[in-house]
């Protein structure tokens, strides 16, 4: 059984970092954990235990000790091995300032951290080496993260992404008017910063709400999850999962089995792959 918990970022960092999460436990033989589509800017991932593998298009490849997963519009499979101890820094939608990059440049990609942000990679490697007794204190990462933040995201797009990620997301034209720009300008800036247009982003956010609901309340009926996530009906949910996750929701969501036991610790949406946290509230 794998267990997860997370710690939300303190207020001074919350705009650029959503939370730090940790996944620990012993991987069962042939276990594969789905990483489902999400609206995150990216996740910076450290493998502190035995290195796992990525399964992509039928190919299995080892993952480096530190890597970056960009925002996803398709499902990936992670194959944990042996003693699992994975730590991640979850970046909010439209923001990859910790990496000195844009969310669009990282979207749909899994890259070595050294390739994306060499300075951050070196600092995290040193931090991992100096952990007393191999222990991890999530709070100890905040000063390191602060030192490597290089704000470079489009603040207006970040505000738009936070609004569109919610269950009560407004129409794009209405949101553009609220933000003081035209719909065309908002769509262009959003596409440039995030890598997908607002309409696709809303679709990924709706799907993420569905699998997040399944993660926190695994015994819920799919029809209930579909309604609360904003789907017109369960067949709509089913179509999205078949197209984006490559499997019907009953299989993609692991109904009837618990691959990951979520341990809530300070964050009400305590999560880690495959269950990433929801975007922070606006304001």
C-alpha atoms as a PDB file:
ATOM      1  CA  UNK A   1       0.000   0.000   0.000  1.00  0.00           C
ATOM      2  CA  UNK A   2       1.213   3.483  -0.829  1.00  0.00           C
ATOM      3  CA  UNK A   3       0.384   6.449   1.387  1.00  0.00           C
ATOM      4  CA  UNK A   4       0.377  10.124   0.561  1.00  0.00           C
ATOM      5  CA  UNK A   5       0.186  13.441   2.338  1.00  0.00           C
ATOM      6  CA  UNK A   6       0.852  17.042   1.458  1.00  0.00           C
ATOM      7  CA  UNK A   7       1.639  20.385   3.011  1.00  0.00           C
ATOM      8  CA  UNK A   8       0.229  23.585   1.464  1.00  0.00           C
ATOM      9  CA  UNK A   9       2.657  26.371   0.665  1.00  0.00           C
ATOM     10  CA  UNK A  10       2.833  29.299   3.085  1.00  0.00           C
ATOM     11  CA  UNK A  11       1.151  32.515   1.980  1.00  0.00           C
ATOM     12  CA  UNK A  12       4.276  34.238   0.590  1.00  0.00           C
ATOM     13  CA  UNK A  13       4.821  31.318  -1.813  1.00  0.00           C
ATOM     14  CA  UNK A  14       1.237  30.301  -2.559  1.00  0.00           C
ATOM     15  CA  UNK A  15       1.064  32.169  -5.865  1.00  0.00           C
ATOM     16  CA  UNK A  16       3.952  30.151  -7.307  1.00  0.00           C
ATOM     17  CA  UNK A  17       3.805  26.854  -5.360  1.00  0.00           C
ATOM     18  CA  UNK A  18       0.639  25.059  -4.364  1.00  0.00           C
ATOM     19  CA  UNK A  19       1.988  22.374  -2.063  1.00  0.00           C
ATOM     20  CA  UNK A  20       4.735  19.874  -1.324  1.00  0.00           C
ATOM     21  CA  UNK A  21       3.584  16.261  -1.366  1.00  0.00           C
ATOM     22  CA  UNK A  22       5.104  12.934  -0.412  1.00  0.00           C
ATOM     23  CA  UNK A  23       4.296   9.370  -1.477  1.00  0.00           C
ATOM     24  CA  UNK A  24       5.729   6.503   0.584  1.00  0.00           C
ATOM     25  CA  UNK A  25       5.298   2.773   1.078  1.00  0.00           C
ATOM     26  CA  UNK A  26       6.168  -0.569  -0.449  1.00  0.00           C
ATOM     27  CA  UNK A  27       5.247  -1.108  -4.064  1.00  0.00           C
ATOM     28  CA  UNK A  28       3.496  -4.349  -4.896  1.00  0.00           C
ATOM     29  CA  UNK A  29       4.804  -6.394  -7.786  1.00  0.00           C
ATOM     30  CA  UNK A  30       3.687  -5.102 -11.197  1.00  0.00           C
ATOM     31  CA  UNK A  31       1.920  -2.115  -9.630  1.00  0.00           C
ATOM     32  CA  UNK A  32       1.251   0.725 -12.063  1.00  0.00           C
ATOM     33  CA  UNK A  33      -0.117   4.036 -10.798  1.00  0.00           C
ATOM     34  CA  UNK A  34      -2.005   6.226 -13.293  1.00  0.00           C
ATOM     35  CA  UNK A  35      -1.046   9.883 -13.479  1.00  0.00           C
ATOM     36  CA  UNK A  36      -4.261  11.354 -14.855  1.00  0.00           C
ATOM     37  CA  UNK A  37      -4.748  14.598 -16.822  1.00  0.00           C
ATOM     38  CA  UNK A  38      -4.488  17.722 -14.691  1.00  0.00           C
ATOM     39  CA  UNK A  39      -4.230  21.504 -14.943  1.00  0.00           C
ATOM     40  CA  UNK A  40      -1.064  21.931 -12.869  1.00  0.00           C
ATOM     41  CA  UNK A  41       1.749  24.103 -14.187  1.00  0.00           C
ATOM     42  CA  UNK A  42       4.128  21.236 -13.407  1.00  0.00           C
ATOM     43  CA  UNK A  43       5.393  18.944 -10.666  1.00  0.00           C
ATOM     44  CA  UNK A  44       9.042  18.823  -9.604  1.00  0.00           C
ATOM     45  CA  UNK A  45       9.606  15.242  -8.427  1.00  0.00           C
ATOM     46  CA  UNK A  46      12.405  13.755  -6.300  1.00  0.00           C
ATOM     47  CA  UNK A  47      12.831  10.000  -5.935  1.00  0.00           C
ATOM     48  CA  UNK A  48      14.317   9.509  -2.485  1.00  0.00           C
ATOM     49  CA  UNK A  49      13.731   5.756  -2.463  1.00  0.00           C
ATOM     50  CA  UNK A  50      14.199   3.204  -5.213  1.00  0.00           C
ATOM     51  CA  UNK A  51      13.885   4.832  -8.663  1.00  0.00           C
ATOM     52  CA  UNK A  52      10.627   4.121 -10.443  1.00  0.00           C
ATOM     53  CA  UNK A  53       9.857   3.827 -14.142  1.00  0.00           C
ATOM     54  CA  UNK A  54       7.593   5.602 -16.610  1.00  0.00           C
ATOM     55  CA  UNK A  55       5.322   3.594 -18.896  1.00  0.00           C
ATOM     56  CA  UNK A  56       4.491   5.549 -22.030  1.00  0.00           C
ATOM     57  CA  UNK A  57       3.014   4.192 -25.256  1.00  0.00           C
ATOM     58  CA  UNK A  58       3.928   0.669 -24.226  1.00  0.00           C
ATOM     59  CA  UNK A  59       7.559   1.562 -23.532  1.00  0.00           C
ATOM     60  CA  UNK A  60       9.082   1.422 -20.045  1.00  0.00           C
ATOM     61  CA  UNK A  61      11.961   3.741 -19.210  1.00  0.00           C
ATOM     62  CA  UNK A  62      13.715   4.548 -15.940  1.00  0.00           C
ATOM     63  CA  UNK A  63      13.119   7.936 -14.392  1.00  0.00           C
ATOM     64  CA  UNK A  64      15.968  10.114 -13.084  1.00  0.00           C
ATOM     65  CA  UNK A  65      16.263  10.876  -9.392  1.00  0.00           C
ATOM     66  CA  UNK A  66      14.844  14.355 -10.033  1.00  0.00           C
ATOM     67  CA  UNK A  67      12.500  15.171 -12.885  1.00  0.00           C
ATOM     68  CA  UNK A  68       9.699  17.479 -14.029  1.00  0.00           C
ATOM     69  CA  UNK A  69       6.207  16.461 -15.141  1.00  0.00           C
ATOM     70  CA  UNK A  70       4.456  19.208 -17.091  1.00  0.00           C
ATOM     71  CA  UNK A  71       0.711  19.753 -17.153  1.00  0.00           C
ATOM     72  CA  UNK A  72      -1.036  16.730 -18.638  1.00  0.00           C
ATOM     73  CA  UNK A  73      -3.874  16.341 -21.075  1.00  0.00           C
ATOM     74  CA  UNK A  74      -3.348  12.589 -21.328  1.00  0.00           C
ATOM     75  CA  UNK A  75      -2.735   9.803 -18.851  1.00  0.00           C
ATOM     76  CA  UNK A  76       0.702   8.432 -18.013  1.00  0.00           C
ATOM     77  CA  UNK A  77       1.592   5.373 -15.988  1.00  0.00           C
ATOM     78  CA  UNK A  78       4.143   5.364 -13.195  1.00  0.00           C
ATOM     79  CA  UNK A  79       5.661   2.020 -12.205  1.00  0.00           C
ATOM     80  CA  UNK A  80       6.975   2.280  -8.628  1.00  0.00           C
ATOM     81  CA  UNK A  81       9.617  -0.217  -7.553  1.00  0.00           C
ATOM     82  CA  UNK A  82      10.432  -1.592  -4.093  1.00  0.00           C
ATOM     83  CA  UNK A  83      10.631   0.918  -1.259  1.00  0.00           C
ATOM     84  CA  UNK A  84       8.864   4.024  -2.541  1.00  0.00           C
ATOM     85  CA  UNK A  85       9.732   7.480  -1.209  1.00  0.00           C
ATOM     86  CA  UNK A  86       8.755  10.179  -3.680  1.00  0.00           C
ATOM     87  CA  UNK A  87       8.577  13.876  -2.919  1.00  0.00           C
ATOM     88  CA  UNK A  88       7.037  16.475  -5.190  1.00  0.00           C
ATOM     89  CA  UNK A  89       6.638  20.228  -5.480  1.00  0.00           C
ATOM     90  CA  UNK A  90       3.268  20.952  -7.095  1.00  0.00           C
ATOM     91  CA  UNK A  91       3.062  24.166  -9.120  1.00  0.00           C
ATOM     92  CA  UNK A  92      -0.299  25.870  -9.695  1.00  0.00           C
ATOM     93  CA  UNK A  93      -2.007  26.215 -13.086  1.00  0.00           C
ATOM     94  CA  UNK A  94      -0.232  28.496 -15.590  1.00  0.00           C
ATOM     95  CA  UNK A  95       2.791  29.037 -13.330  1.00  0.00           C
ATOM     96  CA  UNK A  96       6.236  27.434 -13.622  1.00  0.00           C
ATOM     97  CA  UNK A  97       8.250  30.302 -12.123  1.00  0.00           C
ATOM     98  CA  UNK A  98      10.172  27.936  -9.860  1.00  0.00           C
ATOM     99  CA  UNK A  99      11.609  26.434 -13.026  1.00  0.00           C
ATOM    100  CA  UNK A 100      12.237  29.742 -14.801  1.00  0.00           C
ATOM    101  CA  UNK A 101       9.974  28.527 -17.587  1.00  0.00           C
ATOM    102  CA  UNK A 102       6.440  28.764 -18.900  1.00  0.00           C
ATOM    103  CA  UNK A 103       3.834  26.114 -18.231  1.00  0.00           C
ATOM    104  CA  UNK A 104       3.371  25.846 -21.999  1.00  0.00           C
ATOM    105  CA  UNK A 105       7.006  24.866 -22.567  1.00  0.00           C
ATOM    106  CA  UNK A 106       6.643  21.949 -20.130  1.00  0.00           C
ATOM    107  CA  UNK A 107       3.200  20.727 -21.070  1.00  0.00           C
ATOM    108  CA  UNK A 108       2.912  16.999 -21.840  1.00  0.00           C
ATOM    109  CA  UNK A 109       6.624  16.507 -21.147  1.00  0.00           C
ATOM    110  CA  UNK A 110       8.612  14.498 -18.588  1.00  0.00           C
ATOM    111  CA  UNK A 111      12.148  15.885 -18.367  1.00  0.00           C
ATOM    112  CA  UNK A 112      15.187  15.594 -16.092  1.00  0.00           C
ATOM    113  CA  UNK A 113      15.167  18.526 -13.672  1.00  0.00           C
ATOM    114  CA  UNK A 114      18.824  19.204 -14.527  1.00  0.00           C
ATOM    115  CA  UNK A 115      17.753  19.917 -18.094  1.00  0.00           C
ATOM    116  CA  UNK A 116      15.052  22.388 -17.080  1.00  0.00           C
ATOM    117  CA  UNK A 117      16.516  24.127 -14.008  1.00  0.00           C
ATOM    118  CA  UNK A 118      20.143  23.115 -13.270  1.00  0.00           C
ATOM    119  CA  UNK A 119      20.467  25.378 -10.226  1.00  0.00           C
ATOM    120  CA  UNK A 120      17.346  24.029  -8.564  1.00  0.00           C
ATOM    121  CA  UNK A 121      18.412  20.487  -9.428  1.00  0.00           C
ATOM    122  CA  UNK A 122      21.779  20.939  -7.715  1.00  0.00           C
ATOM    123  CA  UNK A 123      20.174  22.529  -4.643  1.00  0.00           C
ATOM    124  CA  UNK A 124      17.632  19.719  -4.254  1.00  0.00           C
ATOM    125  CA  UNK A 125      20.316  17.081  -4.722  1.00  0.00           C
ATOM    126  CA  UNK A 126      22.359  18.674  -1.940  1.00  0.00           C
ATOM    127  CA  UNK A 127      19.284  18.979   0.290  1.00  0.00           C
ATOM    128  CA  UNK A 128      18.536  15.290  -0.213  1.00  0.00           C
ATOM    129  CA  UNK A 129      22.119  14.310   0.680  1.00  0.00           C
ATOM    130  CA  UNK A 130      22.051  16.300   3.898  1.00  0.00           C
ATOM    131  CA  UNK A 131      18.767  14.999   5.292  1.00  0.00           C
ATOM    132  CA  UNK A 132      19.539  13.980   8.889  1.00  0.00           C
ATOM    133  CA  UNK A 133      19.097  10.245   9.202  1.00  0.00           C
ATOM    134  CA  UNK A 134      17.359  10.203   5.837  1.00  0.00           C
ATOM    135  CA  UNK A 135      14.322  11.937   7.337  1.00  0.00           C
ATOM    136  CA  UNK A 136      12.224  14.366   5.305  1.00  0.00           C
ATOM    137  CA  UNK A 137      10.727  17.515   6.820  1.00  0.00           C
ATOM    138  CA  UNK A 138       8.507  19.064   4.177  1.00  0.00           C
ATOM    139  CA  UNK A 139       8.668  22.439   5.919  1.00  0.00           C
ATOM    140  CA  UNK A 140      12.425  22.528   5.326  1.00  0.00           C
ATOM    141  CA  UNK A 141      11.912  22.935   1.593  1.00  0.00           C
ATOM    142  CA  UNK A 142      10.266  26.364   1.734  1.00  0.00           C
ATOM    143  CA  UNK A 143      13.504  28.399   2.173  1.00  0.00           C
ATOM    144  CA  UNK A 144      15.147  26.469  -0.674  1.00  0.00           C
ATOM    145  CA  UNK A 145      12.143  27.071  -2.924  1.00  0.00           C
ATOM    146  CA  UNK A 146      12.100  30.776  -2.059  1.00  0.00           C
ATOM    147  CA  UNK A 147      15.724  31.139  -3.099  1.00  0.00           C
ATOM    148  CA  UNK A 148      15.030  29.724  -6.558  1.00  0.00           C
ATOM    149  CA  UNK A 149      11.795  31.494  -7.482  1.00  0.00           C
ATOM    150  CA  UNK A 150      12.174  33.634 -10.595  1.00  0.00           C
ATOM    151  CA  UNK A 151       8.728  35.192 -11.205  1.00  0.00           C
ATOM    152  CA  UNK A 152       8.161  35.126 -14.951  1.00  0.00           C
ATOM    153  CA  UNK A 153       4.546  34.066 -15.437  1.00  0.00           C
ATOM    154  CA  UNK A 154       1.672  36.120 -16.828  1.00  0.00           C
ATOM    155  CA  UNK A 155      -0.219  37.232 -13.719  1.00  0.00           C
ATOM    156  CA  UNK A 156      -3.441  37.823 -15.661  1.00  0.00           C
ATOM    157  CA  UNK A 157      -3.345  34.295 -17.102  1.00  0.00           C
ATOM    158  CA  UNK A 158      -2.681  32.850 -13.638  1.00  0.00           C
ATOM    159  CA  UNK A 159      -5.786  34.646 -12.370  1.00  0.00           C
ATOM    160  CA  UNK A 160      -7.771  33.351 -15.333  1.00  0.00           C
ATOM    161  CA  UNK A 161      -6.549  29.792 -14.753  1.00  0.00           C
ATOM    162  CA  UNK A 162      -7.585  29.885 -11.095  1.00  0.00           C
ATOM    163  CA  UNK A 163     -11.069  31.009 -12.130  1.00  0.00           C
ATOM    164  CA  UNK A 164     -11.427  28.444 -14.922  1.00  0.00           C
ATOM    165  CA  UNK A 165     -10.232  25.555 -12.739  1.00  0.00           C
ATOM    166  CA  UNK A 166     -13.195  25.889 -10.382  1.00  0.00           C
ATOM    167  CA  UNK A 167     -16.504  24.062 -10.626  1.00  0.00           C
ATOM    168  CA  UNK A 168     -18.285  27.406 -11.083  1.00  0.00           C
ATOM    169  CA  UNK A 169     -15.939  28.666 -13.798  1.00  0.00           C
ATOM    170  CA  UNK A 170     -17.382  31.614 -15.753  1.00  0.00           C
ATOM    171  CA  UNK A 171     -17.708  31.750 -19.546  1.00  0.00           C
ATOM    172  CA  UNK A 172     -14.471  32.879 -21.181  1.00  0.00           C
ATOM    173  CA  UNK A 173     -16.049  36.063 -22.578  1.00  0.00           C
ATOM    174  CA  UNK A 174     -17.338  37.021 -19.124  1.00  0.00           C
ATOM    175  CA  UNK A 175     -13.978  36.295 -17.523  1.00  0.00           C
ATOM    176  CA  UNK A 176     -12.167  38.384 -20.141  1.00  0.00           C
ATOM    177  CA  UNK A 177     -14.449  41.318 -19.414  1.00  0.00           C
ATOM    178  CA  UNK A 178     -13.812  40.942 -15.674  1.00  0.00           C
ATOM    179  CA  UNK A 179     -10.066  40.960 -16.294  1.00  0.00           C
ATOM    180  CA  UNK A 180     -10.271  43.988 -18.589  1.00  0.00           C
ATOM    181  CA  UNK A 181      -9.154  42.335 -21.837  1.00  0.00           C
ATOM    182  CA  UNK A 182     -10.881  41.078 -24.968  1.00  0.00           C
ATOM    183  CA  UNK A 183     -11.821  37.433 -25.314  1.00  0.00           C
ATOM    184  CA  UNK A 184      -9.394  37.089 -28.211  1.00  0.00           C
ATOM    185  CA  UNK A 185      -6.525  38.595 -26.190  1.00  0.00           C
ATOM    186  CA  UNK A 186      -7.236  36.383 -23.190  1.00  0.00           C
ATOM    187  CA  UNK A 187      -7.381  33.269 -25.375  1.00  0.00           C
ATOM    188  CA  UNK A 188      -4.098  34.157 -27.089  1.00  0.00           C
ATOM    189  CA  UNK A 189      -2.273  34.928 -23.848  1.00  0.00           C
ATOM    190  CA  UNK A 190      -3.700  31.817 -22.210  1.00  0.00           C
ATOM    191  CA  UNK A 191      -2.592  29.582 -25.070  1.00  0.00           C
ATOM    192  CA  UNK A 192       0.898  31.125 -25.047  1.00  0.00           C
ATOM    193  CA  UNK A 193       1.322  30.721 -21.279  1.00  0.00           C
ATOM    194  CA  UNK A 194      -0.443  27.420 -20.584  1.00  0.00           C
ATOM    195  CA  UNK A 195      -0.105  25.555 -23.870  1.00  0.00           C
ATOM    196  CA  UNK A 196      -3.835  24.922 -24.374  1.00  0.00           C
ATOM    197  CA  UNK A 197      -6.788  27.258 -25.013  1.00  0.00           C
ATOM    198  CA  UNK A 198      -9.204  28.042 -22.169  1.00  0.00           C
ATOM    199  CA  UNK A 199     -11.849  25.626 -23.510  1.00  0.00           C
ATOM    200  CA  UNK A 200      -9.487  22.638 -23.302  1.00  0.00           C
ATOM    201  CA  UNK A 201      -8.219  23.789 -19.906  1.00  0.00           C
ATOM    202  CA  UNK A 202     -11.788  23.773 -18.545  1.00  0.00           C
ATOM    203  CA  UNK A 203     -12.238  20.232 -19.864  1.00  0.00           C
ATOM    204  CA  UNK A 204      -9.076  18.993 -18.109  1.00  0.00           C
ATOM    205  CA  UNK A 205     -10.111  20.774 -14.901  1.00  0.00           C
ATOM    206  CA  UNK A 206     -13.529  19.100 -14.963  1.00  0.00           C
ATOM    207  CA  UNK A 207     -11.942  15.693 -15.377  1.00  0.00           C
ATOM    208  CA  UNK A 208      -9.486  16.432 -12.566  1.00  0.00           C
ATOM    209  CA  UNK A 209     -12.383  17.277 -10.247  1.00  0.00           C
ATOM    210  CA  UNK A 210     -13.950  13.919 -11.045  1.00  0.00           C
ATOM    211  CA  UNK A 211     -10.874  11.827 -10.255  1.00  0.00           C
ATOM    212  CA  UNK A 212     -10.103  13.956  -7.221  1.00  0.00           C
ATOM    213  CA  UNK A 213     -13.577  13.233  -5.913  1.00  0.00           C
ATOM    214  CA  UNK A 214     -13.044   9.532  -6.554  1.00  0.00           C
ATOM    215  CA  UNK A 215      -9.710   9.675  -4.722  1.00  0.00           C
ATOM    216  CA  UNK A 216     -11.121  11.243  -1.586  1.00  0.00           C
ATOM    217  CA  UNK A 217     -14.409   9.314  -1.573  1.00  0.00           C
ATOM    218  CA  UNK A 218     -13.706   6.035  -3.416  1.00  0.00           C
ATOM    219  CA  UNK A 219     -17.132   4.507  -2.729  1.00  0.00           C
ATOM    220  CA  UNK A 220     -19.059   7.244  -4.526  1.00  0.00           C
ATOM    221  CA  UNK A 221     -21.151   6.357  -7.563  1.00  0.00           C
ATOM    222  CA  UNK A 222     -19.854   7.573 -10.914  1.00  0.00           C
ATOM    223  CA  UNK A 223     -23.091   9.405 -11.640  1.00  0.00           C
ATOM    224  CA  UNK A 224     -22.648  11.457  -8.463  1.00  0.00           C
ATOM    225  CA  UNK A 225     -19.025  12.216  -9.268  1.00  0.00           C
ATOM    226  CA  UNK A 226     -19.985  13.278 -12.786  1.00  0.00           C
ATOM    227  CA  UNK A 227     -22.657  15.674 -11.544  1.00  0.00           C
ATOM    228  CA  UNK A 228     -20.458  17.275  -8.902  1.00  0.00           C
ATOM    229  CA  UNK A 229     -17.544  17.661 -11.326  1.00  0.00           C
ATOM    230  CA  UNK A 230     -19.743  19.557 -13.784  1.00  0.00           C
ATOM    231  CA  UNK A 231     -20.507  16.894 -16.394  1.00  0.00           C
ATOM    232  CA  UNK A 232     -23.895  16.884 -18.106  1.00  0.00           C
ATOM    233  CA  UNK A 233     -24.263  13.189 -17.315  1.00  0.00           C
ATOM    234  CA  UNK A 234     -22.271  10.014 -16.655  1.00  0.00           C
ATOM    235  CA  UNK A 235     -21.845   9.154 -20.386  1.00  0.00           C
ATOM    236  CA  UNK A 236     -20.101  12.526 -20.809  1.00  0.00           C
ATOM    237  CA  UNK A 237     -17.704  11.566 -18.002  1.00  0.00           C
ATOM    238  CA  UNK A 238     -17.185   8.174 -19.599  1.00  0.00           C
ATOM    239  CA  UNK A 239     -16.304   9.707 -22.997  1.00  0.00           C
ATOM    240  CA  UNK A 240     -13.732  12.068 -21.494  1.00  0.00           C
ATOM    241  CA  UNK A 241     -12.029   9.287 -19.547  1.00  0.00           C
ATOM    242  CA  UNK A 242     -11.900   6.962 -22.528  1.00  0.00           C
ATOM    243  CA  UNK A 243     -10.366   9.683 -24.682  1.00  0.00           C
ATOM    244  CA  UNK A 244      -7.989  11.346 -22.192  1.00  0.00           C
ATOM    245  CA  UNK A 245      -7.169   8.529 -19.765  1.00  0.00           C
ATOM    246  CA  UNK A 246      -7.368   5.685 -22.261  1.00  0.00           C
ATOM    247  CA  UNK A 247      -9.752   3.705 -20.058  1.00  0.00           C
ATOM    248  CA  UNK A 248     -13.314   3.885 -18.735  1.00  0.00           C
ATOM    249  CA  UNK A 249     -13.627   5.739 -15.422  1.00  0.00           C
ATOM    250  CA  UNK A 250     -14.305   2.547 -13.456  1.00  0.00           C
ATOM    251  CA  UNK A 251     -10.827   1.291 -14.408  1.00  0.00           C
ATOM    252  CA  UNK A 252      -8.936   4.605 -14.533  1.00  0.00           C
ATOM    253  CA  UNK A 253     -10.210   5.581 -11.102  1.00  0.00           C
ATOM    254  CA  UNK A 254      -9.397   2.192  -9.586  1.00  0.00           C
ATOM    255  CA  UNK A 255     -12.949   1.580  -8.383  1.00  0.00           C
ATOM    256  CA  UNK A 256     -12.945  -1.411  -6.079  1.00  0.00           C
ATOM    257  CA  UNK A 257      -9.258  -1.208  -5.276  1.00  0.00           C
ATOM    258  CA  UNK A 258      -7.112   1.125  -3.226  1.00  0.00           C
ATOM    259  CA  UNK A 259      -3.782   1.746  -4.898  1.00  0.00           C
ATOM    260  CA  UNK A 260      -3.070   4.814  -2.815  1.00  0.00           C
ATOM    261  CA  UNK A 261      -4.360   5.515   0.663  1.00  0.00           C
ATOM    262  CA  UNK A 262      -4.681   9.272   1.064  1.00  0.00           C
ATOM    263  CA  UNK A 263      -3.564  10.593   4.444  1.00  0.00           C
ATOM    264  CA  UNK A 264      -4.847  14.074   5.147  1.00  0.00           C
ATOM    265  CA  UNK A 265      -2.289  16.167   6.952  1.00  0.00           C
ATOM    266  CA  UNK A 266      -2.953  19.892   7.231  1.00  0.00           C
ATOM    267  CA  UNK A 267      -4.197  20.106   3.633  1.00  0.00           C
ATOM    268  CA  UNK A 268      -7.846  19.094   3.165  1.00  0.00           C
ATOM    269  CA  UNK A 269      -6.976  17.859  -0.333  1.00  0.00           C
ATOM    270  CA  UNK A 270      -3.877  15.933   0.782  1.00  0.00           C
ATOM    271  CA  UNK A 271      -2.776  14.353  -2.434  1.00  0.00           C
ATOM    272  CA  UNK A 272       0.051  13.106  -4.579  1.00  0.00           C
ATOM    273  CA  UNK A 273       0.281  11.199  -7.853  1.00  0.00           C
ATOM    274  CA  UNK A 274      -2.107  10.100  -9.080  1.00  0.00           C
ATOM    275  CA  UNK A 275      -4.109  12.451  -6.876  1.00  0.00           C
ATOM    276  CA  UNK A 276      -2.780  16.009  -7.208  1.00  0.00           C
ATOM    277  CA  UNK A 277      -4.259  18.841  -5.220  1.00  0.00           C
ATOM    278  CA  UNK A 278      -6.877  21.278  -6.376  1.00  0.00           C
ATOM    279  CA  UNK A 279      -5.976  24.866  -7.293  1.00  0.00           C
ATOM    280  CA  UNK A 280      -5.992  27.343  -4.391  1.00  0.00           C
ATOM    281  CA  UNK A 281      -9.061  29.534  -3.941  1.00  0.00           C
ATOM    282  CA  UNK A 282      -9.133  32.897  -5.659  1.00  0.00           C
ATOM    283  CA  UNK A 283      -8.057  35.975  -3.747  1.00  0.00           C
END
